[in-house]
């Protein structure tokens, strides 16, 4: 009898242990990874997202004046696919840690070589890549779950926004794309290649405020490459308009409308009509 009881008890313990090991529950501070296309590459952010859960955050749960992992559980990291500039410092492509020192009137945001800082004791200041002072802004409503996101994303600039409770801070990030794109254009336009990227090169010149005459020449050649491309004629019309050539802009816009109607593309018909309205 004792042996049977022991056997049954053993099986029960093993069953309970097995069930406990297979039990899965939601993480108190779920992790998140964000990949943002930026410049000619991307930035990847990995962090954990704690909640307020009725607590006071800054100045209490997250003390003022102390290094914070800027999240929960694991270290927060940023991976740059290309060289970026933060706080005037050029940072090579690679993976870095993101730390912060919150305070009432200013925050210090730190990009560090350390990828494993989960407590102030683990932080080594000599591993800093750059420190940036930023001013916190008050949010109109409380953010329950710690949130980071990329905002104001432009071709060569963006901001990493940090939000929790009623506080928000932003870290400006810059990357140099002009020299790289110009190098690509110069290489592509040299030689005798018949399929040169005239349209893309012209678009970059026009949108970045470079030589409009050169952009116009390339748009014209792009139209010769693709005679049915209504979008090319629309941009040619826009370029003419920027150069003050209303007659040429009007002609190109009407050509674009004609081709867009053939292709049953109402969007470009409308775009050209709006452009024509500005030329009267």
C-alpha atoms as a PDB file:
ATOM      1  CA  UNK A   1       0.000   0.000   0.000  1.00  0.00           C
ATOM      2  CA  UNK A   2       2.770   2.433   0.918  1.00  0.00           C
ATOM      3  CA  UNK A   3       4.487   1.699  -2.380  1.00  0.00           C
ATOM      4  CA  UNK A   4       1.262   2.416  -4.266  1.00  0.00           C
ATOM      5  CA  UNK A   5       0.765   5.682  -2.396  1.00  0.00           C
ATOM      6  CA  UNK A   6       4.348   6.728  -3.103  1.00  0.00           C
ATOM      7  CA  UNK A   7       3.957   5.811  -6.757  1.00  0.00           C
ATOM      8  CA  UNK A   8       0.714   7.785  -7.073  1.00  0.00           C
ATOM      9  CA  UNK A   9       2.249  10.736  -5.210  1.00  0.00           C
ATOM     10  CA  UNK A  10       5.280  10.640  -7.493  1.00  0.00           C
ATOM     11  CA  UNK A  11       3.129  10.632 -10.607  1.00  0.00           C
ATOM     12  CA  UNK A  12       1.097  13.554  -9.255  1.00  0.00           C
ATOM     13  CA  UNK A  13       4.246  15.546  -8.540  1.00  0.00           C
ATOM     14  CA  UNK A  14       5.619  14.802 -12.010  1.00  0.00           C
ATOM     15  CA  UNK A  15       2.312  15.797 -13.620  1.00  0.00           C
ATOM     16  CA  UNK A  16       2.193  19.079 -11.701  1.00  0.00           C
ATOM     17  CA  UNK A  17       5.826  19.782 -12.560  1.00  0.00           C
ATOM     18  CA  UNK A  18       5.186  19.069 -16.246  1.00  0.00           C
ATOM     19  CA  UNK A  19       2.141  21.351 -16.300  1.00  0.00           C
ATOM     20  CA  UNK A  20       4.050  24.128 -14.524  1.00  0.00           C
ATOM     21  CA  UNK A  21       6.876  23.929 -17.054  1.00  0.00           C
ATOM     22  CA  UNK A  22       4.476  24.177 -20.001  1.00  0.00           C
ATOM     23  CA  UNK A  23       2.456  27.060 -18.570  1.00  0.00           C
ATOM     24  CA  UNK A  24       2.775  30.199 -20.675  1.00  0.00           C
ATOM     25  CA  UNK A  25       1.562  33.624 -19.598  1.00  0.00           C
ATOM     26  CA  UNK A  26       1.871  37.106 -21.141  1.00  0.00           C
ATOM     27  CA  UNK A  27       5.104  38.981 -20.372  1.00  0.00           C
ATOM     28  CA  UNK A  28       4.556  41.777 -17.813  1.00  0.00           C
ATOM     29  CA  UNK A  29       6.628  44.066 -20.052  1.00  0.00           C
ATOM     30  CA  UNK A  30       6.273  42.738 -23.621  1.00  0.00           C
ATOM     31  CA  UNK A  31       9.145  43.267 -26.003  1.00  0.00           C
ATOM     32  CA  UNK A  32       8.893  45.129 -29.287  1.00  0.00           C
ATOM     33  CA  UNK A  33      11.170  45.437 -32.306  1.00  0.00           C
ATOM     34  CA  UNK A  34      10.685  48.271 -34.804  1.00  0.00           C
ATOM     35  CA  UNK A  35      12.488  48.524 -38.130  1.00  0.00           C
ATOM     36  CA  UNK A  36      12.339  51.936 -39.766  1.00  0.00           C
ATOM     37  CA  UNK A  37      13.584  52.541 -43.308  1.00  0.00           C
ATOM     38  CA  UNK A  38      15.854  55.566 -43.069  1.00  0.00           C
ATOM     39  CA  UNK A  39      18.179  57.219 -45.552  1.00  0.00           C
ATOM     40  CA  UNK A  40      19.530  54.474 -47.797  1.00  0.00           C
ATOM     41  CA  UNK A  41      19.290  51.833 -45.080  1.00  0.00           C
ATOM     42  CA  UNK A  42      17.290  51.332 -41.856  1.00  0.00           C
ATOM     43  CA  UNK A  43      17.292  51.621 -38.066  1.00  0.00           C
ATOM     44  CA  UNK A  44      16.122  48.775 -35.840  1.00  0.00           C
ATOM     45  CA  UNK A  45      14.988  49.388 -32.267  1.00  0.00           C
ATOM     46  CA  UNK A  46      14.485  46.604 -29.706  1.00  0.00           C
ATOM     47  CA  UNK A  47      13.089  47.295 -26.223  1.00  0.00           C
ATOM     48  CA  UNK A  48      10.620  46.150 -23.570  1.00  0.00           C
ATOM     49  CA  UNK A  49       7.383  47.999 -22.726  1.00  0.00           C
ATOM     50  CA  UNK A  50       6.442  48.260 -19.061  1.00  0.00           C
ATOM     51  CA  UNK A  51       3.092  49.713 -18.000  1.00  0.00           C
ATOM     52  CA  UNK A  52       2.308  52.325 -15.379  1.00  0.00           C
ATOM     53  CA  UNK A  53      -0.121  50.016 -13.550  1.00  0.00           C
ATOM     54  CA  UNK A  54      -1.160  52.704 -11.100  1.00  0.00           C
ATOM     55  CA  UNK A  55       2.360  53.680 -10.129  1.00  0.00           C
ATOM     56  CA  UNK A  56       4.163  57.011 -10.302  1.00  0.00           C
ATOM     57  CA  UNK A  57       6.857  56.647 -12.942  1.00  0.00           C
ATOM     58  CA  UNK A  58       9.399  59.446 -13.221  1.00  0.00           C
ATOM     59  CA  UNK A  59      10.962  60.460  -9.947  1.00  0.00           C
ATOM     60  CA  UNK A  60       9.765  57.237  -8.280  1.00  0.00           C
ATOM     61  CA  UNK A  61       9.643  53.980 -10.265  1.00  0.00           C
ATOM     62  CA  UNK A  62      12.265  55.503 -12.571  1.00  0.00           C
ATOM     63  CA  UNK A  63      14.418  57.713 -10.301  1.00  0.00           C
ATOM     64  CA  UNK A  64      15.680  61.096 -11.417  1.00  0.00           C
ATOM     65  CA  UNK A  65      19.414  61.451 -11.982  1.00  0.00           C
ATOM     66  CA  UNK A  66      20.138  57.735 -12.412  1.00  0.00           C
ATOM     67  CA  UNK A  67      20.970  55.654 -15.467  1.00  0.00           C
ATOM     68  CA  UNK A  68      17.894  53.892 -16.820  1.00  0.00           C
ATOM     69  CA  UNK A  69      17.885  51.063 -19.368  1.00  0.00           C
ATOM     70  CA  UNK A  70      15.047  52.917 -21.117  1.00  0.00           C
ATOM     71  CA  UNK A  71      12.611  50.064 -20.918  1.00  0.00           C
ATOM     72  CA  UNK A  72      12.320  46.931 -18.813  1.00  0.00           C
ATOM     73  CA  UNK A  73      13.756  43.418 -18.558  1.00  0.00           C
ATOM     74  CA  UNK A  74      16.520  43.394 -21.182  1.00  0.00           C
ATOM     75  CA  UNK A  75      18.780  46.135 -22.476  1.00  0.00           C
ATOM     76  CA  UNK A  76      17.425  48.503 -25.139  1.00  0.00           C
ATOM     77  CA  UNK A  77      19.356  48.468 -28.434  1.00  0.00           C
ATOM     78  CA  UNK A  78      19.549  50.441 -31.663  1.00  0.00           C
ATOM     79  CA  UNK A  79      20.996  48.962 -34.842  1.00  0.00           C
ATOM     80  CA  UNK A  80      22.033  51.428 -37.555  1.00  0.00           C
ATOM     81  CA  UNK A  81      22.308  50.016 -41.065  1.00  0.00           C
ATOM     82  CA  UNK A  82      24.443  52.947 -42.147  1.00  0.00           C
ATOM     83  CA  UNK A  83      26.506  55.693 -40.537  1.00  0.00           C
ATOM     84  CA  UNK A  84      24.400  58.270 -38.668  1.00  0.00           C
ATOM     85  CA  UNK A  85      25.108  61.490 -36.821  1.00  0.00           C
ATOM     86  CA  UNK A  86      23.710  62.049 -33.320  1.00  0.00           C
ATOM     87  CA  UNK A  87      24.584  65.077 -31.215  1.00  0.00           C
ATOM     88  CA  UNK A  88      27.249  66.089 -33.726  1.00  0.00           C
ATOM     89  CA  UNK A  89      29.018  62.710 -33.431  1.00  0.00           C
ATOM     90  CA  UNK A  90      29.300  60.365 -36.403  1.00  0.00           C
ATOM     91  CA  UNK A  91      28.338  56.821 -35.411  1.00  0.00           C
ATOM     92  CA  UNK A  92      29.397  53.927 -37.675  1.00  0.00           C
ATOM     93  CA  UNK A  93      26.846  51.339 -38.771  1.00  0.00           C
ATOM     94  CA  UNK A  94      26.349  48.705 -36.094  1.00  0.00           C
ATOM     95  CA  UNK A  95      24.476  47.764 -32.931  1.00  0.00           C
ATOM     96  CA  UNK A  96      24.491  50.002 -29.838  1.00  0.00           C
ATOM     97  CA  UNK A  97      22.801  50.279 -26.475  1.00  0.00           C
ATOM     98  CA  UNK A  98      20.381  53.105 -25.657  1.00  0.00           C
ATOM     99  CA  UNK A  99      20.380  54.442 -22.099  1.00  0.00           C
ATOM    100  CA  UNK A 100      18.910  57.542 -20.506  1.00  0.00           C
ATOM    101  CA  UNK A 101      19.177  59.641 -17.370  1.00  0.00           C
ATOM    102  CA  UNK A 102      15.765  61.256 -16.780  1.00  0.00           C
ATOM    103  CA  UNK A 103      15.437  64.437 -14.748  1.00  0.00           C
ATOM    104  CA  UNK A 104      12.767  67.044 -14.101  1.00  0.00           C
ATOM    105  CA  UNK A 105      13.963  69.674 -16.562  1.00  0.00           C
ATOM    106  CA  UNK A 106      16.342  67.740 -18.841  1.00  0.00           C
ATOM    107  CA  UNK A 107      17.202  64.220 -19.934  1.00  0.00           C
ATOM    108  CA  UNK A 108      20.545  62.794 -20.975  1.00  0.00           C
ATOM    109  CA  UNK A 109      20.238  60.242 -23.785  1.00  0.00           C
ATOM    110  CA  UNK A 110      23.219  57.948 -24.188  1.00  0.00           C
ATOM    111  CA  UNK A 111      24.350  55.834 -27.123  1.00  0.00           C
ATOM    112  CA  UNK A 112      26.742  53.242 -25.707  1.00  0.00           C
ATOM    113  CA  UNK A 113      28.848  50.347 -26.944  1.00  0.00           C
ATOM    114  CA  UNK A 114      27.395  48.273 -24.107  1.00  0.00           C
ATOM    115  CA  UNK A 115      24.576  45.956 -25.165  1.00  0.00           C
ATOM    116  CA  UNK A 116      23.794  44.422 -21.784  1.00  0.00           C
ATOM    117  CA  UNK A 117      23.082  47.269 -19.347  1.00  0.00           C
ATOM    118  CA  UNK A 118      20.022  46.341 -17.305  1.00  0.00           C
ATOM    119  CA  UNK A 119      20.962  48.147 -14.080  1.00  0.00           C
ATOM    120  CA  UNK A 120      22.917  51.306 -13.150  1.00  0.00           C
ATOM    121  CA  UNK A 121      25.676  49.152 -11.622  1.00  0.00           C
ATOM    122  CA  UNK A 122      26.454  47.606 -15.024  1.00  0.00           C
ATOM    123  CA  UNK A 123      26.878  50.956 -16.792  1.00  0.00           C
ATOM    124  CA  UNK A 124      30.392  52.027 -17.802  1.00  0.00           C
ATOM    125  CA  UNK A 125      30.696  55.647 -18.827  1.00  0.00           C
ATOM    126  CA  UNK A 126      33.907  55.003 -20.777  1.00  0.00           C
ATOM    127  CA  UNK A 127      31.814  52.974 -23.242  1.00  0.00           C
ATOM    128  CA  UNK A 128      29.717  56.016 -24.216  1.00  0.00           C
ATOM    129  CA  UNK A 129      29.623  56.822 -27.921  1.00  0.00           C
ATOM    130  CA  UNK A 130      27.729  60.074 -27.463  1.00  0.00           C
ATOM    131  CA  UNK A 131      25.592  61.852 -24.859  1.00  0.00           C
ATOM    132  CA  UNK A 132      22.800  64.221 -25.856  1.00  0.00           C
ATOM    133  CA  UNK A 133      20.897  66.612 -23.583  1.00  0.00           C
ATOM    134  CA  UNK A 134      17.216  66.940 -24.487  1.00  0.00           C
ATOM    135  CA  UNK A 135      14.328  68.830 -22.924  1.00  0.00           C
ATOM    136  CA  UNK A 136      11.252  66.827 -21.903  1.00  0.00           C
ATOM    137  CA  UNK A 137       7.825  67.937 -23.094  1.00  0.00           C
ATOM    138  CA  UNK A 138       4.529  67.426 -21.270  1.00  0.00           C
ATOM    139  CA  UNK A 139       1.973  65.222 -23.019  1.00  0.00           C
ATOM    140  CA  UNK A 140      -1.731  66.184 -22.971  1.00  0.00           C
ATOM    141  CA  UNK A 141      -2.735  62.665 -21.906  1.00  0.00           C
ATOM    142  CA  UNK A 142      -1.000  59.929 -19.954  1.00  0.00           C
ATOM    143  CA  UNK A 143       0.656  57.109 -21.931  1.00  0.00           C
ATOM    144  CA  UNK A 144       0.021  53.876 -20.009  1.00  0.00           C
ATOM    145  CA  UNK A 145       2.498  51.643 -21.873  1.00  0.00           C
ATOM    146  CA  UNK A 146       6.083  52.784 -22.344  1.00  0.00           C
ATOM    147  CA  UNK A 147       6.382  53.676 -26.035  1.00  0.00           C
ATOM    148  CA  UNK A 148       9.198  54.496 -28.433  1.00  0.00           C
ATOM    149  CA  UNK A 149       8.692  55.333 -32.096  1.00  0.00           C
ATOM    150  CA  UNK A 150      10.363  57.066 -35.026  1.00  0.00           C
ATOM    151  CA  UNK A 151       8.686  60.354 -35.962  1.00  0.00           C
ATOM    152  CA  UNK A 152       9.228  63.212 -38.420  1.00  0.00           C
ATOM    153  CA  UNK A 153      10.941  60.777 -40.784  1.00  0.00           C
ATOM    154  CA  UNK A 154      12.544  62.579 -43.734  1.00  0.00           C
ATOM    155  CA  UNK A 155      15.122  61.394 -46.303  1.00  0.00           C
ATOM    156  CA  UNK A 156      18.102  62.319 -44.103  1.00  0.00           C
ATOM    157  CA  UNK A 157      16.577  63.145 -40.699  1.00  0.00           C
ATOM    158  CA  UNK A 158      14.278  61.554 -38.154  1.00  0.00           C
ATOM    159  CA  UNK A 159      13.607  61.593 -34.418  1.00  0.00           C
ATOM    160  CA  UNK A 160      13.341  58.780 -31.914  1.00  0.00           C
ATOM    161  CA  UNK A 161      10.464  59.718 -29.610  1.00  0.00           C
ATOM    162  CA  UNK A 162      10.242  58.309 -26.087  1.00  0.00           C
ATOM    163  CA  UNK A 163       6.879  58.530 -24.296  1.00  0.00           C
ATOM    164  CA  UNK A 164       5.641  57.348 -20.938  1.00  0.00           C
ATOM    165  CA  UNK A 165       3.254  58.728 -18.318  1.00  0.00           C
ATOM    166  CA  UNK A 166       2.903  62.390 -19.367  1.00  0.00           C
ATOM    167  CA  UNK A 167       6.492  62.892 -20.538  1.00  0.00           C
ATOM    168  CA  UNK A 168       7.972  62.875 -24.036  1.00  0.00           C
ATOM    169  CA  UNK A 169      11.538  63.370 -25.264  1.00  0.00           C
ATOM    170  CA  UNK A 170      12.983  63.210 -28.775  1.00  0.00           C
ATOM    171  CA  UNK A 171      16.427  62.202 -30.032  1.00  0.00           C
ATOM    172  CA  UNK A 172      17.374  63.757 -33.416  1.00  0.00           C
ATOM    173  CA  UNK A 173      19.134  61.412 -35.854  1.00  0.00           C
ATOM    174  CA  UNK A 174      20.780  62.473 -39.126  1.00  0.00           C
ATOM    175  CA  UNK A 175      22.349  60.581 -42.020  1.00  0.00           C
ATOM    176  CA  UNK A 176      24.200  61.847 -45.076  1.00  0.00           C
ATOM    177  CA  UNK A 177      22.528  60.621 -48.233  1.00  0.00           C
ATOM    178  CA  UNK A 178      23.336  63.377 -50.741  1.00  0.00           C
ATOM    179  CA  UNK A 179      26.971  62.458 -51.340  1.00  0.00           C
ATOM    180  CA  UNK A 180      26.067  58.779 -51.749  1.00  0.00           C
ATOM    181  CA  UNK A 181      23.192  59.444 -54.138  1.00  0.00           C
ATOM    182  CA  UNK A 182      25.256  61.910 -56.175  1.00  0.00           C
ATOM    183  CA  UNK A 183      28.006  59.301 -56.465  1.00  0.00           C
ATOM    184  CA  UNK A 184      25.428  56.790 -57.729  1.00  0.00           C
ATOM    185  CA  UNK A 185      24.054  59.293 -60.239  1.00  0.00           C
ATOM    186  CA  UNK A 186      27.516  60.215 -61.532  1.00  0.00           C
ATOM    187  CA  UNK A 187      28.390  56.550 -61.990  1.00  0.00           C
ATOM    188  CA  UNK A 188      25.067  55.697 -63.642  1.00  0.00           C
ATOM    189  CA  UNK A 189      25.201  58.633 -66.042  1.00  0.00           C
ATOM    190  CA  UNK A 190      28.737  57.951 -67.211  1.00  0.00           C
ATOM    191  CA  UNK A 191      29.489  55.521 -70.015  1.00  0.00           C
ATOM    192  CA  UNK A 192      27.359  54.467 -72.940  1.00  0.00           C
ATOM    193  CA  UNK A 193      24.592  52.616 -71.105  1.00  0.00           C
ATOM    194  CA  UNK A 194      21.333  53.162 -73.011  1.00  0.00           C
ATOM    195  CA  UNK A 195      19.119  52.418 -69.998  1.00  0.00           C
ATOM    196  CA  UNK A 196      20.291  55.221 -67.749  1.00  0.00           C
ATOM    197  CA  UNK A 197      18.039  56.069 -64.754  1.00  0.00           C
ATOM    198  CA  UNK A 198      17.007  59.452 -66.141  1.00  0.00           C
ATOM    199  CA  UNK A 199      13.690  59.619 -64.291  1.00  0.00           C
ATOM    200  CA  UNK A 200      15.027  58.771 -60.816  1.00  0.00           C
ATOM    201  CA  UNK A 201      18.002  61.100 -61.256  1.00  0.00           C
ATOM    202  CA  UNK A 202      15.736  63.932 -62.416  1.00  0.00           C
ATOM    203  CA  UNK A 203      13.375  63.384 -59.481  1.00  0.00           C
ATOM    204  CA  UNK A 204      16.243  63.595 -56.999  1.00  0.00           C
ATOM    205  CA  UNK A 205      17.571  66.775 -58.586  1.00  0.00           C
ATOM    206  CA  UNK A 206      14.156  68.429 -58.562  1.00  0.00           C
ATOM    207  CA  UNK A 207      13.130  67.346 -55.052  1.00  0.00           C
ATOM    208  CA  UNK A 208      16.469  68.232 -53.467  1.00  0.00           C
ATOM    209  CA  UNK A 209      16.641  71.688 -55.059  1.00  0.00           C
ATOM    210  CA  UNK A 210      19.520  71.017 -57.407  1.00  0.00           C
ATOM    211  CA  UNK A 211      19.997  72.107 -61.033  1.00  0.00           C
ATOM    212  CA  UNK A 212      16.507  72.279 -62.583  1.00  0.00           C
ATOM    213  CA  UNK A 213      17.945  72.566 -66.096  1.00  0.00           C
ATOM    214  CA  UNK A 214      19.678  69.232 -65.634  1.00  0.00           C
ATOM    215  CA  UNK A 215      16.527  67.739 -64.140  1.00  0.00           C
ATOM    216  CA  UNK A 216      14.528  69.001 -67.139  1.00  0.00           C
ATOM    217  CA  UNK A 217      16.989  67.423 -69.581  1.00  0.00           C
ATOM    218  CA  UNK A 218      16.750  64.080 -67.770  1.00  0.00           C
ATOM    219  CA  UNK A 219      12.924  64.197 -67.577  1.00  0.00           C
ATOM    220  CA  UNK A 220      12.850  64.812 -71.329  1.00  0.00           C
ATOM    221  CA  UNK A 221      15.109  61.797 -71.956  1.00  0.00           C
ATOM    222  CA  UNK A 222      13.006  59.716 -69.551  1.00  0.00           C
ATOM    223  CA  UNK A 223       9.920  60.577 -71.631  1.00  0.00           C
ATOM    224  CA  UNK A 224      11.778  59.433 -74.753  1.00  0.00           C
ATOM    225  CA  UNK A 225      12.622  56.159 -72.979  1.00  0.00           C
ATOM    226  CA  UNK A 226       8.987  55.579 -71.967  1.00  0.00           C
ATOM    227  CA  UNK A 227       6.632  57.462 -74.353  1.00  0.00           C
ATOM    228  CA  UNK A 228       3.507  56.138 -72.605  1.00  0.00           C
ATOM    229  CA  UNK A 229       4.646  56.965 -69.058  1.00  0.00           C
ATOM    230  CA  UNK A 230       2.062  59.533 -67.921  1.00  0.00           C
ATOM    231  CA  UNK A 231       3.853  59.939 -64.582  1.00  0.00           C
ATOM    232  CA  UNK A 232       7.026  61.063 -66.371  1.00  0.00           C
ATOM    233  CA  UNK A 233       5.142  63.754 -68.302  1.00  0.00           C
ATOM    234  CA  UNK A 234       3.515  64.916 -65.075  1.00  0.00           C
ATOM    235  CA  UNK A 235       6.921  65.419 -63.449  1.00  0.00           C
ATOM    236  CA  UNK A 236       8.203  67.083 -66.621  1.00  0.00           C
ATOM    237  CA  UNK A 237       5.266  69.465 -66.364  1.00  0.00           C
ATOM    238  CA  UNK A 238       6.077  70.123 -62.700  1.00  0.00           C
ATOM    239  CA  UNK A 239       9.703  70.816 -63.548  1.00  0.00           C
ATOM    240  CA  UNK A 240       8.697  73.259 -66.287  1.00  0.00           C
ATOM    241  CA  UNK A 241       6.362  74.981 -63.835  1.00  0.00           C
ATOM    242  CA  UNK A 242       9.192  75.364 -61.300  1.00  0.00           C
ATOM    243  CA  UNK A 243      11.346  76.895 -64.029  1.00  0.00           C
ATOM    244  CA  UNK A 244       8.596  79.400 -64.898  1.00  0.00           C
ATOM    245  CA  UNK A 245       7.907  77.816 -68.302  1.00  0.00           C
ATOM    246  CA  UNK A 246       4.116  77.880 -68.188  1.00  0.00           C
ATOM    247  CA  UNK A 247       3.566  77.068 -71.870  1.00  0.00           C
ATOM    248  CA  UNK A 248       5.816  73.989 -71.763  1.00  0.00           C
ATOM    249  CA  UNK A 249       4.327  72.945 -68.418  1.00  0.00           C
ATOM    250  CA  UNK A 250       0.809  73.169 -69.844  1.00  0.00           C
ATOM    251  CA  UNK A 251       1.738  71.077 -72.880  1.00  0.00           C
ATOM    252  CA  UNK A 252       3.379  68.375 -70.759  1.00  0.00           C
ATOM    253  CA  UNK A 253       0.419  68.296 -68.352  1.00  0.00           C
ATOM    254  CA  UNK A 254      -2.075  67.834 -71.202  1.00  0.00           C
ATOM    255  CA  UNK A 255       0.088  65.050 -72.628  1.00  0.00           C
ATOM    256  CA  UNK A 256       0.122  63.393 -69.206  1.00  0.00           C
ATOM    257  CA  UNK A 257      -3.685  63.652 -68.950  1.00  0.00           C
ATOM    258  CA  UNK A 258      -4.076  62.081 -72.389  1.00  0.00           C
ATOM    259  CA  UNK A 259      -1.827  59.136 -71.474  1.00  0.00           C
ATOM    260  CA  UNK A 260      -3.366  58.768 -68.010  1.00  0.00           C
ATOM    261  CA  UNK A 261      -6.859  58.541 -69.513  1.00  0.00           C
ATOM    262  CA  UNK A 262      -5.644  55.847 -71.905  1.00  0.00           C
ATOM    263  CA  UNK A 263      -4.277  53.954 -68.911  1.00  0.00           C
ATOM    264  CA  UNK A 264      -7.488  54.653 -66.941  1.00  0.00           C
ATOM    265  CA  UNK A 265      -5.532  56.304 -64.142  1.00  0.00           C
ATOM    266  CA  UNK A 266      -7.830  58.933 -62.620  1.00  0.00           C
ATOM    267  CA  UNK A 267      -5.310  59.902 -59.941  1.00  0.00           C
ATOM    268  CA  UNK A 268      -2.865  61.360 -62.429  1.00  0.00           C
ATOM    269  CA  UNK A 269      -5.639  63.053 -64.356  1.00  0.00           C
ATOM    270  CA  UNK A 270      -6.561  64.858 -61.134  1.00  0.00           C
ATOM    271  CA  UNK A 271      -2.932  65.697 -60.319  1.00  0.00           C
ATOM    272  CA  UNK A 272      -2.410  67.280 -63.715  1.00  0.00           C
ATOM    273  CA  UNK A 273      -5.658  69.231 -63.484  1.00  0.00           C
ATOM    274  CA  UNK A 274      -4.517  70.679 -60.169  1.00  0.00           C
ATOM    275  CA  UNK A 275      -1.179  71.607 -61.695  1.00  0.00           C
ATOM    276  CA  UNK A 276      -2.878  73.269 -64.672  1.00  0.00           C
ATOM    277  CA  UNK A 277      -5.015  75.327 -62.298  1.00  0.00           C
ATOM    278  CA  UNK A 278      -1.822  76.874 -60.858  1.00  0.00           C
ATOM    279  CA  UNK A 279      -0.590  77.859 -64.316  1.00  0.00           C
ATOM    280  CA  UNK A 280      -3.495  80.121 -65.241  1.00  0.00           C
END
